[in-house]
Protein backbone atom coordinates (compact mmCIF):
# COMPACT_ATOMS: atom_id res chain seq x y z
CA UNK A 1 151.81 136.53 47.19
CA UNK A 2 152.51 137.28 50.82
CA UNK A 3 155.91 137.09 52.46
CA UNK A 4 156.23 136.29 56.16
CA UNK A 5 158.86 134.85 58.49
CA UNK A 6 161.32 134.54 55.64
CA UNK A 7 159.37 132.10 53.49
CA UNK A 8 156.95 132.43 50.61
CA UNK A 9 153.24 131.99 51.11
CA UNK A 10 150.74 131.53 48.33
CA UNK A 11 147.19 132.37 49.43
CA UNK A 12 144.15 131.71 47.27
CA UNK A 13 140.58 132.38 48.37
CA UNK A 14 137.24 131.35 46.91
CA UNK A 15 134.00 132.31 48.58
CA UNK A 16 130.26 132.51 48.12
CA UNK A 17 127.80 134.41 50.22
CA UNK A 18 125.60 132.67 52.77
CA UNK A 19 122.15 131.54 51.79
CA UNK A 20 123.14 129.92 48.49
CA UNK A 21 121.81 126.41 47.86
CA UNK A 22 124.37 123.68 48.41
CA UNK A 23 124.69 121.03 45.73
CA UNK A 24 126.66 117.80 45.97
CA UNK A 25 127.85 115.15 43.57
CA UNK A 26 129.81 112.00 44.15
CA UNK A 27 131.61 109.41 42.06
CA UNK A 28 134.04 106.50 42.27
CA UNK A 29 136.49 105.33 39.62
CA UNK A 30 138.33 102.02 39.90
CA UNK A 31 142.12 102.37 40.20
CA UNK A 32 142.99 98.71 40.88
CA UNK A 33 146.45 97.93 39.47
CA UNK A 34 147.28 94.76 37.53
CA UNK A 35 149.03 91.73 38.97
CA UNK A 36 152.79 92.01 38.93
CA UNK A 37 152.89 95.63 40.05
CA UNK A 38 155.28 96.46 42.91
CA UNK A 39 153.41 96.96 46.18
CA UNK A 40 153.92 99.81 48.62
CA UNK A 41 154.61 100.19 52.28
CA UNK A 42 157.82 98.37 53.11
CA UNK A 43 161.54 98.56 52.39
CA UNK A 44 161.58 95.55 50.06
CA UNK A 45 160.13 94.69 46.67
CA UNK A 46 156.79 92.84 46.73
CA UNK A 47 154.95 92.07 43.52
CA UNK A 48 151.16 91.81 43.65
CA UNK A 49 149.86 88.30 42.96
CA UNK A 50 146.16 89.14 42.78
CA UNK A 51 143.28 91.22 44.12
CA UNK A 52 141.21 90.74 47.25
CA UNK A 53 139.17 93.91 46.73
CA UNK A 54 139.36 96.80 44.30
CA UNK A 55 140.97 100.17 44.90
CA UNK A 56 139.03 103.33 44.15
CA UNK A 57 139.38 107.05 43.65
CA UNK A 58 136.31 108.50 45.38
CA UNK A 59 135.23 112.12 44.99
CA UNK A 60 132.74 114.43 46.66
CA UNK A 61 132.10 117.74 44.90
CA UNK A 62 130.31 120.52 46.78
CA UNK A 63 128.88 123.54 45.01
CA UNK A 64 127.43 126.80 46.27
CA UNK A 65 126.76 129.55 43.77
CA UNK A 66 129.91 129.96 41.69
CA UNK A 67 132.16 128.10 44.12
CA UNK A 68 132.97 124.42 43.84
CA UNK A 69 135.33 122.25 45.85
CA UNK A 70 136.33 118.60 45.58
CA UNK A 71 137.23 116.25 48.44
CA UNK A 72 138.90 113.15 47.03
CA UNK A 73 140.31 109.99 48.63
CA UNK A 74 142.28 107.25 46.87
CA UNK A 75 142.98 103.75 48.20
CA UNK A 76 146.74 104.31 47.94
CA UNK A 77 149.66 104.48 50.36
CA UNK A 78 150.37 108.05 49.21
CA UNK A 79 150.09 110.23 46.13
CA UNK A 80 153.46 111.70 45.07
CA UNK A 81 153.49 115.41 44.36
CA UNK A 82 153.87 115.00 40.61
CA UNK A 83 150.88 112.67 40.32
CA UNK A 84 148.80 114.84 42.64
CA UNK A 85 149.58 118.00 40.71
CA UNK A 86 148.82 116.31 37.38
CA UNK A 87 145.49 114.93 38.62
CA UNK A 88 144.38 118.28 40.02
CA UNK A 89 145.46 120.10 36.87
CA UNK A 90 143.52 117.68 34.66
CA UNK A 91 140.49 117.95 36.96
CA UNK A 92 140.63 121.74 36.83
CA UNK A 93 140.76 121.66 33.02
CA UNK A 94 137.79 119.29 32.87
CA UNK A 95 135.58 120.92 35.51
CA UNK A 96 136.75 124.45 36.17
CA UNK A 97 137.28 123.62 39.85
CA UNK A 98 140.54 125.35 40.83
CA UNK A 99 143.33 122.94 41.75
CA UNK A 100 143.64 124.80 45.06
CA UNK A 101 140.03 123.81 45.82
CA UNK A 102 140.73 120.09 45.41
CA UNK A 103 141.84 118.25 48.54
CA UNK A 104 143.24 115.05 47.03
CA UNK A 105 144.42 112.53 49.62
CA UNK A 106 145.52 108.92 50.05
CA UNK A 107 144.07 106.57 52.65
CA UNK A 108 147.55 105.06 53.21
CA UNK A 109 146.75 101.46 52.30
CA UNK A 110 149.91 99.35 52.41
CA UNK A 111 148.36 96.79 50.06
CA UNK A 112 148.28 99.04 47.04
CA UNK A 113 150.85 99.96 44.39
CA UNK A 114 154.21 101.58 45.01
CA UNK A 115 153.99 105.04 43.47
CA UNK A 116 157.07 107.05 44.33
CA UNK A 117 160.18 107.43 46.40
CA UNK A 118 163.67 106.04 46.08
CA UNK A 119 162.42 102.44 46.14
CA UNK A 120 161.09 102.94 42.59
CA UNK A 121 164.70 103.19 41.35
CA UNK A 122 165.23 99.53 42.27
CA UNK A 123 162.31 98.26 40.18
CA UNK A 124 163.42 96.83 36.84
CA UNK A 125 162.10 94.80 33.92
CA UNK A 126 158.41 93.97 33.41
CA UNK A 127 157.49 95.16 36.91
CA UNK A 128 158.87 98.63 36.10
CA UNK A 129 156.93 98.79 32.84
CA UNK A 130 153.74 97.83 34.68
CA UNK A 131 154.40 100.45 37.34
CA UNK A 132 155.23 103.22 34.87
CA UNK A 133 152.06 102.55 32.86
CA UNK A 134 149.93 102.63 36.02
CA UNK A 135 151.47 105.87 37.27
CA UNK A 136 150.98 107.49 33.86
CA UNK A 137 147.27 106.60 33.78
CA UNK A 138 146.48 107.37 37.41
CA UNK A 139 146.03 111.18 37.22
CA UNK A 140 143.45 110.80 34.47
CA UNK A 141 141.43 108.29 36.49
CA UNK A 142 141.44 110.57 39.55
CA UNK A 143 140.40 113.51 37.36
CA UNK A 144 137.63 111.35 35.91
CA UNK A 145 136.20 110.75 39.39
CA UNK A 146 136.17 114.49 40.07
CA UNK A 147 134.66 115.27 36.68
CA UNK A 148 131.90 112.69 37.08
CA UNK A 149 131.07 113.97 40.57
CA UNK A 150 131.01 117.57 39.34
CA UNK A 151 128.73 116.68 36.45
CA UNK A 152 126.22 115.02 38.74
CA UNK A 153 125.64 117.62 41.44
CA UNK A 154 122.11 117.92 42.83
CA UNK A 155 120.59 119.96 45.68
CA UNK A 156 121.76 118.34 48.88
CA UNK A 157 121.64 118.42 52.66
CA UNK A 158 124.66 117.84 54.88
CA UNK A 159 124.78 116.76 58.50
CA UNK A 160 127.73 116.09 60.77
CA UNK A 161 128.55 114.06 63.85
CA UNK A 162 131.55 112.74 65.76
CA UNK A 163 131.77 109.27 67.25
CA UNK A 164 134.29 107.91 69.74
CA UNK A 165 136.21 104.67 69.21
CA UNK A 166 139.39 103.81 71.07
CA UNK A 167 139.56 100.01 70.85
CA UNK A 168 141.14 99.62 67.39
CA UNK A 169 143.91 102.25 67.32
CA UNK A 170 147.03 102.51 69.46
CA UNK A 171 149.87 104.96 69.98
CA UNK A 172 152.85 103.16 68.45
CA UNK A 173 155.86 104.95 69.96
CA UNK A 174 157.04 103.61 73.33
CA UNK A 175 159.55 104.54 76.00
CA UNK A 176 161.85 101.60 76.65
CA UNK A 177 163.69 100.71 79.84
CA UNK A 178 166.99 101.78 78.30
CA UNK A 179 165.62 105.30 77.80
CA UNK A 180 165.17 105.06 74.04
CA UNK A 181 161.92 105.48 72.12
CA UNK A 182 160.92 102.68 69.76
CA UNK A 183 158.15 102.30 67.21
CA UNK A 184 156.23 99.02 67.42
CA UNK A 185 158.62 97.36 69.89
CA UNK A 186 156.84 94.00 69.68
CA UNK A 187 153.99 92.38 71.51
CA UNK A 188 154.43 91.97 75.25
CA UNK A 189 157.99 93.20 75.07
CA UNK A 190 159.17 93.28 78.72
CA UNK A 191 161.38 96.28 77.95
CA UNK A 192 158.38 98.54 77.25
CA UNK A 193 157.71 101.19 79.90
CA UNK A 194 154.81 103.20 78.45
CA UNK A 195 153.45 104.80 75.27
CA UNK A 196 154.72 108.30 74.59
CA UNK A 197 151.31 109.76 73.80
CA UNK A 198 147.63 109.13 73.14
CA UNK A 199 145.47 108.37 70.14
CA UNK A 200 142.73 110.51 68.61
CA UNK A 201 139.51 108.49 69.09
CA UNK A 202 137.33 110.71 66.90
CA UNK A 203 135.26 109.02 64.21
CA UNK A 204 134.02 111.97 62.18
CA UNK A 205 131.02 111.55 59.90
CA UNK A 206 129.71 113.94 57.27
CA UNK A 207 126.46 112.60 55.83
CA UNK A 208 125.32 113.83 52.43
CA UNK A 209 121.80 113.20 51.18
CA UNK A 210 119.64 114.56 48.38
CA UNK A 211 117.02 117.22 49.02
CA UNK A 212 114.45 114.41 49.17
CA UNK A 213 116.42 112.58 51.87
CA UNK A 214 118.05 109.88 49.73
CA UNK A 215 121.51 108.88 51.08
CA UNK A 216 124.31 109.86 48.71
CA UNK A 217 127.62 109.74 50.55
CA UNK A 218 129.14 109.01 53.94
CA UNK A 219 132.38 110.96 54.41
CA UNK A 220 134.36 109.33 57.24
CA UNK A 221 137.59 110.23 58.99
CA UNK A 222 139.59 108.39 61.65
CA UNK A 223 143.29 108.48 62.54
CA UNK A 224 144.69 104.98 62.00
CA UNK A 225 147.46 103.56 59.84
CA UNK A 226 146.15 101.28 57.08
CA UNK A 227 148.70 98.50 57.50
CA UNK A 228 146.46 95.65 58.58
CA UNK A 229 146.08 93.20 55.69
CA UNK A 230 149.64 92.47 54.56
CA UNK A 231 150.41 89.81 52.00
CA UNK A 232 150.58 90.06 48.23
CA UNK A 233 146.97 90.73 47.27
CA UNK A 234 145.67 94.20 46.48
CA UNK A 235 143.26 95.56 49.10
CA UNK A 236 141.87 98.85 50.36
CA UNK A 237 142.27 97.45 53.91
CA UNK A 238 139.60 98.11 56.55
CA UNK A 239 137.76 100.92 54.65
CA UNK A 240 136.61 98.17 52.28
CA UNK A 241 134.68 96.53 55.11
CA UNK A 242 133.25 99.85 56.31
CA UNK A 243 131.92 100.63 52.84
CA UNK A 244 130.53 97.12 52.37
CA UNK A 245 128.62 97.17 55.66
CA UNK A 246 127.23 100.69 55.27
CA UNK A 247 126.15 99.82 51.73
CA UNK A 248 124.22 96.79 52.98
CA UNK A 249 122.33 98.95 55.45
CA UNK A 250 121.81 102.19 53.54
CA UNK A 251 121.76 100.90 49.98
CA UNK A 252 124.40 100.16 47.38
CA UNK A 253 124.05 103.64 45.88
CA UNK A 254 125.60 105.07 49.06
CA UNK A 255 129.25 105.94 48.44
CA UNK A 256 131.49 105.65 51.50
CA UNK A 257 134.55 107.87 51.32
CA UNK A 258 137.20 107.30 54.02
CA UNK A 259 140.03 109.72 54.74
CA UNK A 260 142.82 109.23 57.24
CA UNK A 261 143.30 111.63 60.13
CA UNK A 262 146.64 112.54 61.70
CA UNK A 263 147.91 108.97 62.01
CA UNK A 264 151.68 109.27 61.54
CA UNK A 265 152.28 107.68 64.94
CA UNK A 266 149.05 105.68 65.31
CA UNK A 267 148.41 102.08 64.22
CA UNK A 268 146.32 98.99 65.06
CA UNK A 269 148.86 97.02 67.10
CA UNK A 270 148.09 96.41 70.79
CA UNK A 271 151.47 95.56 72.31
CA UNK A 272 149.83 94.43 75.57
CA UNK A 273 148.18 91.52 73.73
CA UNK A 274 149.90 88.40 72.46
CA UNK A 275 147.21 87.79 69.83
CA UNK A 276 148.26 88.11 66.15
CA UNK A 277 146.94 91.26 64.49
CA UNK A 278 147.55 90.86 60.78
CA UNK A 279 145.55 89.76 57.80
CA UNK A 280 142.15 90.09 56.21
CA UNK A 281 140.40 88.99 59.41
CA UNK A 282 141.95 91.81 61.40
CA UNK A 283 141.02 94.34 58.72
CA UNK A 284 137.46 93.03 58.74
CA UNK A 285 137.32 93.32 62.52
CA UNK A 286 138.54 96.93 62.50
CA UNK A 287 136.22 97.87 59.66
CA UNK A 288 133.26 96.30 61.46
CA UNK A 289 133.99 98.13 64.71
CA UNK A 290 134.35 101.47 62.92
CA UNK A 291 131.21 100.85 60.84
CA UNK A 292 129.34 100.19 64.06
CA UNK A 293 130.50 103.48 65.52
CA UNK A 294 129.47 105.26 62.33
CA UNK A 295 125.98 103.78 62.61
CA UNK A 296 125.70 104.89 66.23
CA UNK A 297 126.89 108.37 65.26
CA UNK A 298 124.29 108.62 62.49
CA UNK A 299 121.60 108.55 65.19
CA UNK A 300 122.84 111.85 66.63
CA UNK A 301 123.83 113.86 63.55
CA UNK A 302 123.24 117.60 63.39
CA UNK A 303 122.42 119.53 60.19
CA UNK A 304 125.14 121.78 58.83
CA UNK A 305 123.63 125.28 58.96
CA UNK A 306 123.57 127.50 55.89
CA UNK A 307 126.75 129.41 55.27
CA UNK A 308 129.36 130.30 52.68
CA UNK A 309 131.44 127.67 50.92
CA UNK A 310 135.05 128.80 51.24
CA UNK A 311 138.42 127.41 50.17
CA UNK A 312 141.98 128.53 50.74
CA UNK A 313 145.41 127.12 49.98
CA UNK A 314 148.83 128.19 51.18
CA UNK A 315 152.26 126.77 50.39
CA UNK A 316 154.82 126.78 53.20
CA UNK A 317 158.54 126.24 52.74
CA UNK A 318 160.03 123.87 55.33
CA UNK A 319 163.73 123.71 56.12
CA UNK A 320 165.57 120.42 55.58
CA UNK A 321 168.62 119.05 57.41
CA UNK A 322 172.14 119.07 55.93
CA UNK A 323 174.61 116.19 56.05
CA UNK A 324 178.38 115.83 55.87
CA UNK A 325 180.14 114.04 53.02
CA UNK A 326 180.92 111.04 55.21
CA UNK A 327 177.27 110.61 56.15
CA UNK A 328 176.24 110.74 52.50
CA UNK A 329 178.84 108.16 51.50
CA UNK A 330 177.67 105.82 54.25
CA UNK A 331 174.05 106.32 53.20
CA UNK A 332 174.90 105.33 49.61
CA UNK A 333 176.54 102.14 50.85
CA UNK A 334 173.56 101.23 53.03
CA UNK A 335 171.06 102.01 50.27
CA UNK A 336 172.95 99.80 47.82
CA UNK A 337 171.93 96.81 49.94
CA UNK A 338 168.23 97.42 49.36
CA UNK A 339 166.45 94.22 48.34
CA UNK A 340 169.53 92.08 48.95
CA UNK A 341 169.80 89.10 51.31
CA UNK A 342 172.04 91.22 53.56
CA UNK A 343 169.54 94.10 53.70
CA UNK A 344 170.34 96.35 56.68
CA UNK A 345 166.65 96.55 57.66
CA UNK A 346 163.87 99.13 57.70
CA UNK A 347 165.33 101.72 60.07
CA UNK A 348 168.79 101.76 58.45
CA UNK A 349 167.31 102.02 54.96
CA UNK A 350 164.88 104.74 56.07
CA UNK A 351 167.80 106.78 57.39
CA UNK A 352 169.87 106.24 54.26
CA UNK A 353 167.02 107.17 51.95
CA UNK A 354 166.33 110.30 53.99
CA UNK A 355 169.96 111.43 53.79
CA UNK A 356 170.18 110.83 50.06
CA UNK A 357 166.81 112.43 49.29
CA UNK A 358 167.50 115.58 51.29
CA UNK A 359 171.07 115.91 50.01
CA UNK A 360 169.86 115.76 46.41
CA UNK A 361 167.60 118.76 47.11
CA UNK A 362 170.78 120.87 47.50
CA UNK A 363 169.33 122.75 50.51
CA UNK A 364 166.10 123.55 48.64
CA UNK A 365 163.29 123.58 51.24
CA UNK A 366 160.34 121.22 51.13
CA UNK A 367 157.21 122.78 49.70
CA UNK A 368 154.17 121.82 51.74
CA UNK A 369 150.66 122.88 50.76
CA UNK A 370 148.08 123.48 53.48
CA UNK A 371 144.47 123.46 52.27
CA UNK A 372 141.30 124.44 54.08
CA UNK A 373 137.70 124.08 52.92
CA UNK A 374 134.83 125.38 55.07
CA UNK A 375 131.06 125.20 54.84
CA UNK A 376 129.38 127.73 57.08
CA UNK A 377 130.67 128.33 60.59
CA UNK A 378 130.52 124.74 61.81
CA UNK A 379 132.35 122.45 59.37
CA UNK A 380 135.87 122.58 57.94
CA UNK A 381 138.38 120.26 56.31
CA UNK A 382 142.16 120.70 56.58
CA UNK A 383 144.38 118.97 54.03
CA UNK A 384 148.00 118.39 55.10
CA UNK A 385 150.78 116.64 53.16
CA UNK A 386 152.65 113.71 54.67
CA UNK A 387 152.05 111.43 57.62
CA UNK A 388 151.06 113.87 60.33
CA UNK A 389 151.69 113.13 64.00
CA UNK A 390 148.49 112.92 66.03
CA UNK A 391 149.55 115.69 68.40
CA UNK A 392 149.72 118.15 65.50
CA UNK A 393 146.30 117.16 64.24
CA UNK A 394 144.75 117.48 67.67
CA UNK A 395 146.35 120.91 68.14
CA UNK A 396 144.65 122.09 64.95
CA UNK A 397 141.29 120.65 66.00
CA UNK A 398 141.53 122.23 69.45
CA UNK A 399 142.40 125.68 68.13
CA UNK A 400 139.94 125.65 65.24
CA UNK A 401 136.94 128.02 65.52
CA UNK A 402 134.79 125.47 63.64
CA UNK A 403 132.73 123.01 65.69
CA UNK A 404 133.94 120.13 63.48
CA UNK A 405 137.37 120.23 61.86
CA UNK A 406 138.41 117.21 59.80
CA UNK A 407 142.16 116.66 59.46
CA UNK A 408 143.07 114.92 56.20
CA UNK A 409 146.65 113.73 56.02
CA UNK A 410 148.57 112.67 52.89
CA UNK A 411 146.95 115.37 50.74
CA UNK A 412 148.50 117.65 48.10
CA UNK A 413 151.49 115.39 47.62
CA UNK A 414 153.69 113.51 50.04
CA UNK A 415 156.55 114.91 52.14
CA UNK A 416 157.08 111.87 54.40
CA UNK A 417 156.62 111.76 58.15
CA UNK A 418 155.72 115.00 59.91
CA UNK A 419 156.75 114.57 63.58
CA UNK A 420 156.29 117.05 66.39
CA UNK A 421 159.25 118.86 67.98
CA UNK A 422 158.90 116.60 71.00
CA UNK A 423 159.19 113.52 68.79
CA UNK A 424 162.33 114.87 67.13
CA UNK A 425 163.89 115.08 70.60
CA UNK A 426 162.83 111.51 71.36
CA UNK A 427 164.06 109.90 68.13
CA UNK A 428 162.62 106.68 66.73
CA UNK A 429 161.72 105.34 63.28
CA UNK A 430 159.47 108.19 62.14
CA UNK A 431 162.09 110.77 63.06
CA UNK A 432 164.81 108.75 61.35
CA UNK A 433 162.68 108.79 58.19
CA UNK A 434 161.48 112.43 58.31
CA UNK A 435 162.81 114.71 55.55
CA UNK A 436 162.19 118.01 57.34
CA UNK A 437 163.99 119.80 60.15
CA UNK A 438 162.44 119.98 63.64
CA UNK A 439 159.60 122.48 63.87
CA UNK A 440 158.23 121.87 60.38
CA UNK A 441 155.16 120.11 61.71
CA UNK A 442 154.34 122.98 64.04
CA UNK A 443 154.68 125.41 61.12
CA UNK A 444 152.08 123.44 59.18
CA UNK A 445 149.74 123.31 62.18
CA UNK A 446 150.11 127.04 62.82
CA UNK A 447 149.38 127.79 59.18
CA UNK A 448 146.27 125.61 59.24
CA UNK A 449 145.00 127.30 62.41
CA UNK A 450 145.50 130.76 60.95
CA UNK A 451 143.72 129.85 57.73
CA UNK A 452 140.83 128.33 59.66
CA UNK A 453 140.44 131.54 61.63
CA UNK A 454 140.58 133.64 58.47
CA UNK A 455 137.83 131.57 56.84
CA UNK A 456 135.70 131.67 59.97
CA UNK A 457 135.97 135.45 60.06
CA UNK A 458 134.89 135.62 56.42
CA UNK A 459 131.72 133.73 57.36
CA UNK A 460 130.67 136.80 59.34
CA UNK A 461 130.80 139.08 56.31
């Protein structure tokens, strides 16, 4: 254990010398919930009425010598810390892969099951029984995906490329004429002045194939909220279309694994257009556009050179705000109107839930795990908990010594929105909802950058 800047750091390293053969295995396990389960993503109870497309836990296991890592994505809005820890612990017991070497993330689909948070307390009756049974079984299914991938590793080749797509994602925080900052202010709202930032257009592709050149897995990353489909049918949102199209072209044995980049303040809504942007058609459109960019990127991929497979994990303690008794009492009153006809609305409920959640911690800091996996000197993954603001993700990418650095949000548990200091000054929905104090996001980014540099330096030994 290392102590720095007044907070505890847990640092774990795994490494293997350069020149070792890289092996890869991949697997997918269905995690589709039953009808009647509460759905995630909004401040109201929605019970699933059916399934449009299945949800999956998808795993890529990489192995070099004695070192193995797992990169896992689930078609879920988030993975609460307890479920994440249980899944990684079960996977470690089944495979020997250290939990610290497993980057387990959620894609952030809003048409999946509700898994955690204060909203669960309002679920009663048969819906609660369905939810509890699903949550109990979920860690084992995630661990099964990792175990199956680990058991099927074969000699493999990896290549990497980065595409550019800026037509489907939009910065969602806007300066208004009254000087405030609003999230998703509405299409063609005349009070909008300008967006407060820019998107990350990167479409990152890691292509995994067998030693004989047979496609195994397409690992994709793009920063974009998965809140496109809506409705009451279970869906993985636009990654479903991406996987379907790539499978048609490269064969159904190809597994497409999508992870979300730093998309805390990025979504699919173009406020300059009056056209509706919701539903399965919109998800299909976005998925088709991104699949097209992936295909273009595959034509200019570069092999990942030989190098050590490294993994590190560090837990950072983040300060939380404190509230006065009057604020807590008001928050309880507001929260009591959840799911009632006189609901105070999303922003008011988000604020109330934040106050109650942080107060119940009794000043105990948030624990946020930062994970880094690197292969050679050119490719690295960074796992960060929560919904990370795009500026923080881009800062990590820019400072990283690796040619390609993939930011994976909503990994190692969920700590809510992770805004930048600038955003905290501006206000808005994400800030109202955030559980941490200003500066927490920068602490996570700084930790990730330091760990990336440490791993890169180890590649030279």
